Amino acid sequence: GNSPSGAFPIIAGQYADYLARALLEYKNGERTNPIMAGFAANLSDDDIADLAAWYASLDGLKTARR
């Protein structure tokens, strides 16, 4: 979740709803990235919710919700 490289996004601390939506969009093809699509392809809805909650719970990026 906290990438040491600028080539990868920091997802630790992102909002769970954003992370879940992004994973669902990779899974159903709305977002196109072959690597992420491959990761998301076999995730269940529960897997997605669990991953989103876990990454959201980590210290990392925090932004104010508007």
PDB file of N, CA and C in Angstrom:
ATOM      1  N   GLY A   1       0.778  -1.201   0.000  1.00  0.00           N
ATOM      2  CA  GLY A   1       0.000   0.000   0.000  1.00  0.00           C
ATOM      3  C   GLY A   1       0.820   1.267   0.000  1.00  0.00           C
ATOM      4  N   ASN A   2       2.040   1.224   0.539  1.00  0.00           N
ATOM      5  CA  ASN A   2       2.929   2.389   0.545  1.00  0.00           C
ATOM      6  C   ASN A   2       4.126   2.088  -0.339  1.00  0.00           C
ATOM      7  N   SER A   3       4.006   2.392  -1.600  1.00  0.00           N
ATOM      8  CA  SER A   3       5.041   2.071  -2.568  1.00  0.00           C
ATOM      9  C   SER A   3       6.275   2.934  -2.361  1.00  0.00           C
ATOM     10  N   PRO A   4       7.458   2.322  -2.399  1.00  0.00           N
ATOM     11  CA  PRO A   4       8.689   3.108  -2.307  1.00  0.00           C
ATOM     12  C   PRO A   4       9.040   3.775  -3.636  1.00  0.00           C
ATOM     13  N   SER A   5       8.311   3.430  -4.682  1.00  0.00           N
ATOM     14  CA  SER A   5       8.582   3.953  -6.010  1.00  0.00           C
ATOM     15  C   SER A   5       7.462   4.878  -6.469  1.00  0.00           C
ATOM     16  N   GLY A   6       7.831   5.946  -7.101  1.00  0.00           N
ATOM     17  CA  GLY A   6       6.836   6.854  -7.664  1.00  0.00           C
ATOM     18  C   GLY A   6       6.084   6.259  -8.844  1.00  0.00           C
ATOM     19  N   ALA A   7       6.539   5.112  -9.317  1.00  0.00           N
ATOM     20  CA  ALA A   7       5.884   4.463 -10.449  1.00  0.00           C
ATOM     21  C   ALA A   7       4.583   3.781 -10.046  1.00  0.00           C
ATOM     22  N   PHE A   8       4.376   3.586  -8.738  1.00  0.00           N
ATOM     23  CA  PHE A   8       3.188   2.892  -8.250  1.00  0.00           C
ATOM     24  C   PHE A   8       2.445   3.784  -7.274  1.00  0.00           C
ATOM     25  N   PRO A   9       1.120   3.780  -7.322  1.00  0.00           N
ATOM     26  CA  PRO A   9       0.349   4.665  -6.444  1.00  0.00           C
ATOM     27  C   PRO A   9       0.371   4.211  -4.987  1.00  0.00           C
ATOM     28  N   ILE A  10       0.215   5.167  -4.090  1.00  0.00           N
ATOM     29  CA  ILE A  10       0.037   4.868  -2.673  1.00  0.00           C
ATOM     30  C   ILE A  10      -1.452   4.632  -2.460  1.00  0.00           C
ATOM     31  N   ILE A  11      -1.796   3.412  -2.028  1.00  0.00           N
ATOM     32  CA  ILE A  11      -3.204   3.121  -1.791  1.00  0.00           C
ATOM     33  C   ILE A  11      -3.509   2.961  -0.306  1.00  0.00           C
ATOM     34  N   ALA A  12      -2.479   2.880   0.520  1.00  0.00           N
ATOM     35  CA  ALA A  12      -2.698   2.814   1.967  1.00  0.00           C
ATOM     36  C   ALA A  12      -3.377   4.096   2.414  1.00  0.00           C
ATOM     37  N   GLY A  13      -4.443   3.965   3.186  1.00  0.00           N
ATOM     38  CA  GLY A  13      -5.143   5.128   3.700  1.00  0.00           C
ATOM     39  C   GLY A  13      -6.176   5.716   2.758  1.00  0.00           C
ATOM     40  N   GLN A  14      -6.281   5.186   1.541  1.00  0.00           N
ATOM     41  CA  GLN A  14      -7.338   5.645   0.650  1.00  0.00           C
ATOM     42  C   GLN A  14      -8.678   5.215   1.234  1.00  0.00           C
ATOM     43  N   TYR A  15      -9.741   5.818   0.802  1.00  0.00           N
ATOM     44  CA  TYR A  15     -11.066   5.455   1.281  1.00  0.00           C
ATOM     45  C   TYR A  15     -11.469   4.083   0.742  1.00  0.00           C
ATOM     46  N   ALA A  16     -12.056   3.263   1.600  1.00  0.00           N
ATOM     47  CA  ALA A  16     -12.430   1.904   1.226  1.00  0.00           C
ATOM     48  C   ALA A  16     -13.391   1.885   0.048  1.00  0.00           C
ATOM     49  N   ASP A  17     -14.336   2.818   0.004  1.00  0.00           N
ATOM     50  CA  ASP A  17     -15.298   2.813  -1.103  1.00  0.00           C
ATOM     51  C   ASP A  17     -14.621   3.099  -2.438  1.00  0.00           C
ATOM     52  N   TYR A  18     -13.617   3.961  -2.423  1.00  0.00           N
ATOM     53  CA  TYR A  18     -12.858   4.248  -3.645  1.00  0.00           C
ATOM     54  C   TYR A  18     -12.082   3.004  -4.094  1.00  0.00           C
ATOM     55  N   LEU A  19     -11.399   2.362  -3.146  1.00  0.00           N
ATOM     56  CA  LEU A  19     -10.614   1.175  -3.482  1.00  0.00           C
ATOM     57  C   LEU A  19     -11.498   0.047  -4.005  1.00  0.00           C
ATOM     58  N   ALA A  20     -12.634  -0.171  -3.359  1.00  0.00           N
ATOM     59  CA  ALA A  20     -13.554  -1.218  -3.795  1.00  0.00           C
ATOM     60  C   ALA A  20     -14.078  -0.920  -5.198  1.00  0.00           C
ATOM     61  N   ARG A  21     -14.446   0.318  -5.445  1.00  0.00           N
ATOM     62  CA  ARG A  21     -14.952   0.688  -6.770  1.00  0.00           C
ATOM     63  C   ARG A  21     -13.876   0.487  -7.828  1.00  0.00           C
ATOM     64  N   ALA A  22     -12.638   0.878  -7.512  1.00  0.00           N
ATOM     65  CA  ALA A  22     -11.550   0.706  -8.477  1.00  0.00           C
ATOM     66  C   ALA A  22     -11.340  -0.773  -8.795  1.00  0.00           C
ATOM     67  N   LEU A  23     -11.328  -1.629  -7.781  1.00  0.00           N
ATOM     68  CA  LEU A  23     -11.148  -3.065  -8.027  1.00  0.00           C
ATOM     69  C   LEU A  23     -12.295  -3.631  -8.859  1.00  0.00           C
ATOM     70  N   LEU A  24     -13.514  -3.227  -8.556  1.00  0.00           N
ATOM     71  CA  LEU A  24     -14.657  -3.688  -9.353  1.00  0.00           C
ATOM     72  C   LEU A  24     -14.549  -3.231 -10.807  1.00  0.00           C
ATOM     73  N   GLU A  25     -14.081  -2.004 -11.010  1.00  0.00           N
ATOM     74  CA  GLU A  25     -13.946  -1.478 -12.365  1.00  0.00           C
ATOM     75  C   GLU A  25     -12.837  -2.188 -13.136  1.00  0.00           C
ATOM     76  N   TYR A  26     -11.757  -2.572 -12.452  1.00  0.00           N
ATOM     77  CA  TYR A  26     -10.732  -3.384 -13.125  1.00  0.00           C
ATOM     78  C   TYR A  26     -11.291  -4.758 -13.458  1.00  0.00           C
ATOM     79  N   LYS A  27     -12.043  -5.313 -12.538  1.00  0.00           N
ATOM     80  CA  LYS A  27     -12.609  -6.650 -12.739  1.00  0.00           C
ATOM     81  C   LYS A  27     -13.577  -6.684 -13.918  1.00  0.00           C
ATOM     82  N   ASN A  28     -14.436  -5.663 -14.042  1.00  0.00           N
ATOM     83  CA  ASN A  28     -15.439  -5.691 -15.111  1.00  0.00           C
ATOM     84  C   ASN A  28     -14.999  -4.975 -16.389  1.00  0.00           C
ATOM     85  N   GLY A  29     -13.759  -4.488 -16.424  1.00  0.00           N
ATOM     86  CA  GLY A  29     -13.218  -3.897 -17.643  1.00  0.00           C
ATOM     87  C   GLY A  29     -13.471  -2.423 -17.841  1.00  0.00           C
ATOM     88  N   GLU A  30     -14.134  -1.757 -16.884  1.00  0.00           N
ATOM     89  CA  GLU A  30     -14.348  -0.304 -17.013  1.00  0.00           C
ATOM     90  C   GLU A  30     -13.028   0.448 -16.926  1.00  0.00           C
ATOM     91  N   ARG A  31     -12.098  -0.052 -16.121  1.00  0.00           N
ATOM     92  CA  ARG A  31     -10.733   0.477 -16.077  1.00  0.00           C
ATOM     93  C   ARG A  31      -9.862  -0.522 -16.806  1.00  0.00           C
ATOM     94  N   THR A  32      -8.987  -0.019 -17.660  1.00  0.00           N
ATOM     95  CA  THR A  32      -8.171  -0.916 -18.462  1.00  0.00           C
ATOM     96  C   THR A  32      -6.712  -0.839 -18.050  1.00  0.00           C
ATOM     97  N   ASN A  33      -6.275  -1.862 -17.381  1.00  0.00           N
ATOM     98  CA  ASN A  33      -4.874  -2.059 -17.045  1.00  0.00           C
ATOM     99  C   ASN A  33      -4.697  -3.571 -16.952  1.00  0.00           C
ATOM    100  N   PRO A  34      -3.904  -4.151 -17.848  1.00  0.00           N
ATOM    101  CA  PRO A  34      -3.814  -5.603 -17.884  1.00  0.00           C
ATOM    102  C   PRO A  34      -3.301  -6.224 -16.585  1.00  0.00           C
ATOM    103  N   ILE A  35      -2.423  -5.552 -15.890  1.00  0.00           N
ATOM    104  CA  ILE A  35      -1.901  -6.096 -14.633  1.00  0.00           C
ATOM    105  C   ILE A  35      -2.992  -6.095 -13.569  1.00  0.00           C
ATOM    106  N   MET A  36      -3.647  -4.950 -13.382  1.00  0.00           N
ATOM    107  CA  MET A  36      -4.693  -4.870 -12.358  1.00  0.00           C
ATOM    108  C   MET A  36      -5.900  -5.737 -12.721  1.00  0.00           C
ATOM    109  N   ALA A  37      -6.220  -5.814 -14.002  1.00  0.00           N
ATOM    110  CA  ALA A  37      -7.329  -6.670 -14.422  1.00  0.00           C
ATOM    111  C   ALA A  37      -7.041  -8.123 -14.058  1.00  0.00           C
ATOM    112  N   GLY A  38      -5.798  -8.535 -14.236  1.00  0.00           N
ATOM    113  CA  GLY A  38      -5.413  -9.891 -13.868  1.00  0.00           C
ATOM    114  C   GLY A  38      -5.524 -10.151 -12.380  1.00  0.00           C
ATOM    115  N   PHE A  39      -5.137  -9.164 -11.571  1.00  0.00           N
ATOM    116  CA  PHE A  39      -5.260  -9.306 -10.115  1.00  0.00           C
ATOM    117  C   PHE A  39      -6.723  -9.376  -9.695  1.00  0.00           C
ATOM    118  N   ALA A  40      -7.554  -8.539 -10.291  1.00  0.00           N
ATOM    119  CA  ALA A  40      -8.948  -8.405  -9.857  1.00  0.00           C
ATOM    120  C   ALA A  40      -9.874  -9.478 -10.426  1.00  0.00           C
ATOM    121  N   ALA A  41      -9.467 -10.128 -11.493  1.00  0.00           N
ATOM    122  CA  ALA A  41     -10.361 -11.033 -12.231  1.00  0.00           C
ATOM    123  C   ALA A  41     -11.022 -12.094 -11.364  1.00  0.00           C
ATOM    124  N   ASN A  42     -10.298 -12.670 -10.430  1.00  0.00           N
ATOM    125  CA  ASN A  42     -10.844 -13.784  -9.645  1.00  0.00           C
ATOM    126  C   ASN A  42     -11.261 -13.389  -8.233  1.00  0.00           C
ATOM    127  N   LEU A  43     -11.313 -12.089  -7.965  1.00  0.00           N
ATOM    128  CA  LEU A  43     -11.733 -11.646  -6.633  1.00  0.00           C
ATOM    129  C   LEU A  43     -13.249 -11.716  -6.499  1.00  0.00           C
ATOM    130  N   SER A  44     -13.704 -12.232  -5.363  1.00  0.00           N
ATOM    131  CA  SER A  44     -15.140 -12.211  -5.064  1.00  0.00           C
ATOM    132  C   SER A  44     -15.496 -10.830  -4.515  1.00  0.00           C
ATOM    133  N   ASP A  45     -16.787 -10.559  -4.388  1.00  0.00           N
ATOM    134  CA  ASP A  45     -17.219  -9.298  -3.781  1.00  0.00           C
ATOM    135  C   ASP A  45     -16.699  -9.182  -2.346  1.00  0.00           C
ATOM    136  N   ASP A  46     -16.698 -10.291  -1.615  1.00  0.00           N
ATOM    137  CA  ASP A  46     -16.162 -10.275  -0.242  1.00  0.00           C
ATOM    138  C   ASP A  46     -14.664 -10.010  -0.237  1.00  0.00           C
ATOM    139  N   ASP A  47     -13.924 -10.599  -1.176  1.00  0.00           N
ATOM    140  CA  ASP A  47     -12.484 -10.344  -1.282  1.00  0.00           C
ATOM    141  C   ASP A  47     -12.226  -8.862  -1.512  1.00  0.00           C
ATOM    142  N   ILE A  48     -12.992  -8.277  -2.427  1.00  0.00           N
ATOM    143  CA  ILE A  48     -12.822  -6.859  -2.749  1.00  0.00           C
ATOM    144  C   ILE A  48     -13.110  -5.994  -1.525  1.00  0.00           C
ATOM    145  N   ALA A  49     -14.193  -6.285  -0.826  1.00  0.00           N
ATOM    146  CA  ALA A  49     -14.531  -5.515   0.377  1.00  0.00           C
ATOM    147  C   ALA A  49     -13.449  -5.661   1.440  1.00  0.00           C
ATOM    148  N   ASP A  50     -12.952  -6.879   1.615  1.00  0.00           N
ATOM    149  CA  ASP A  50     -11.904  -7.117   2.617  1.00  0.00           C
ATOM    150  C   ASP A  50     -10.606  -6.395   2.262  1.00  0.00           C
ATOM    151  N   LEU A  51     -10.187  -6.487   1.003  1.00  0.00           N
ATOM    152  CA  LEU A  51      -8.966  -5.802   0.583  1.00  0.00           C
ATOM    153  C   LEU A  51      -9.105  -4.292   0.733  1.00  0.00           C
ATOM    154  N   ALA A  52     -10.233  -3.758   0.315  1.00  0.00           N
ATOM    155  CA  ALA A  52     -10.460  -2.312   0.413  1.00  0.00           C
ATOM    156  C   ALA A  52     -10.421  -1.855   1.868  1.00  0.00           C
ATOM    157  N   ALA A  53     -11.052  -2.595   2.751  1.00  0.00           N
ATOM    158  CA  ALA A  53     -11.060  -2.234   4.174  1.00  0.00           C
ATOM    159  C   ALA A  53      -9.658  -2.311   4.758  1.00  0.00           C
ATOM    160  N   TRP A  54      -8.915  -3.344   4.378  1.00  0.00           N
ATOM    161  CA  TRP A  54      -7.564  -3.505   4.931  1.00  0.00           C
ATOM    162  C   TRP A  54      -6.649  -2.375   4.479  1.00  0.00           C
ATOM    163  N   TYR A  55      -6.613  -2.086   3.172  1.00  0.00           N
ATOM    164  CA  TYR A  55      -5.753  -1.005   2.692  1.00  0.00           C
ATOM    165  C   TYR A  55      -6.191   0.345   3.256  1.00  0.00           C
ATOM    166  N   ALA A  56      -7.479   0.556   3.416  1.00  0.00           N
ATOM    167  CA  ALA A  56      -7.975   1.809   3.986  1.00  0.00           C
ATOM    168  C   ALA A  56      -7.548   1.970   5.447  1.00  0.00           C
ATOM    169  N   SER A  57      -7.347   0.857   6.145  1.00  0.00           N
ATOM    170  CA  SER A  57      -6.975   0.921   7.565  1.00  0.00           C
ATOM    171  C   SER A  57      -5.506   1.234   7.788  1.00  0.00           C
ATOM    172  N   LEU A  58      -4.695   1.153   6.743  1.00  0.00           N
ATOM    173  CA  LEU A  58      -3.255   1.369   6.873  1.00  0.00           C
ATOM    174  C   LEU A  58      -2.920   2.856   6.925  1.00  0.00           C
ATOM    175  N   ASP A  59      -1.835   3.174   7.617  1.00  0.00           N
ATOM    176  CA  ASP A  59      -1.328   4.545   7.592  1.00  0.00           C
ATOM    177  C   ASP A  59      -0.781   4.821   6.201  1.00  0.00           C
ATOM    178  N   GLY A  60      -1.095   5.969   5.697  1.00  0.00           N
ATOM    179  CA  GLY A  60      -0.632   6.338   4.364  1.00  0.00           C
ATOM    180  C   GLY A  60      -1.310   7.609   3.936  1.00  0.00           C
ATOM    181  N   LEU A  61      -1.753   7.609   2.729  1.00  0.00           N
ATOM    182  CA  LEU A  61      -2.402   8.773   2.149  1.00  0.00           C
ATOM    183  C   LEU A  61      -3.696   9.077   2.893  1.00  0.00           C
ATOM    184  N   LYS A  62      -3.850  10.294   3.319  1.00  0.00           N
ATOM    185  CA  LYS A  62      -5.104  10.741   3.926  1.00  0.00           C
ATOM    186  C   LYS A  62      -5.453  12.089   3.314  1.00  0.00           C
ATOM    187  N   THR A  63      -6.636  12.180   2.796  1.00  0.00           N
ATOM    188  CA  THR A  63      -7.106  13.436   2.220  1.00  0.00           C
ATOM    189  C   THR A  63      -8.440  13.787   2.871  1.00  0.00           C
ATOM    190  N   ALA A  64      -8.740  15.038   2.874  1.00  0.00           N
ATOM    191  CA  ALA A  64     -10.023  15.496   3.440  1.00  0.00           C
ATOM    192  C   ALA A  64     -11.137  15.170   2.458  1.00  0.00           C
ATOM    193  N   ARG A  65     -12.209  14.645   2.977  1.00  0.00           N
ATOM    194  CA  ARG A  65     -13.376  14.376   2.137  1.00  0.00           C
ATOM    195  C   ARG A  65     -14.155  15.669   1.989  1.00  0.00           C
ATOM    196  N   ARG A  66     -14.560  15.978   0.784  1.00  0.00           N
ATOM    197  CA  ARG A  66     -15.291  17.232   0.542  1.00  0.00           C
ATOM    198  C   ARG A  66     -16.730  16.941   0.258  1.00  0.00           C
TER     199      ARG A  66
END
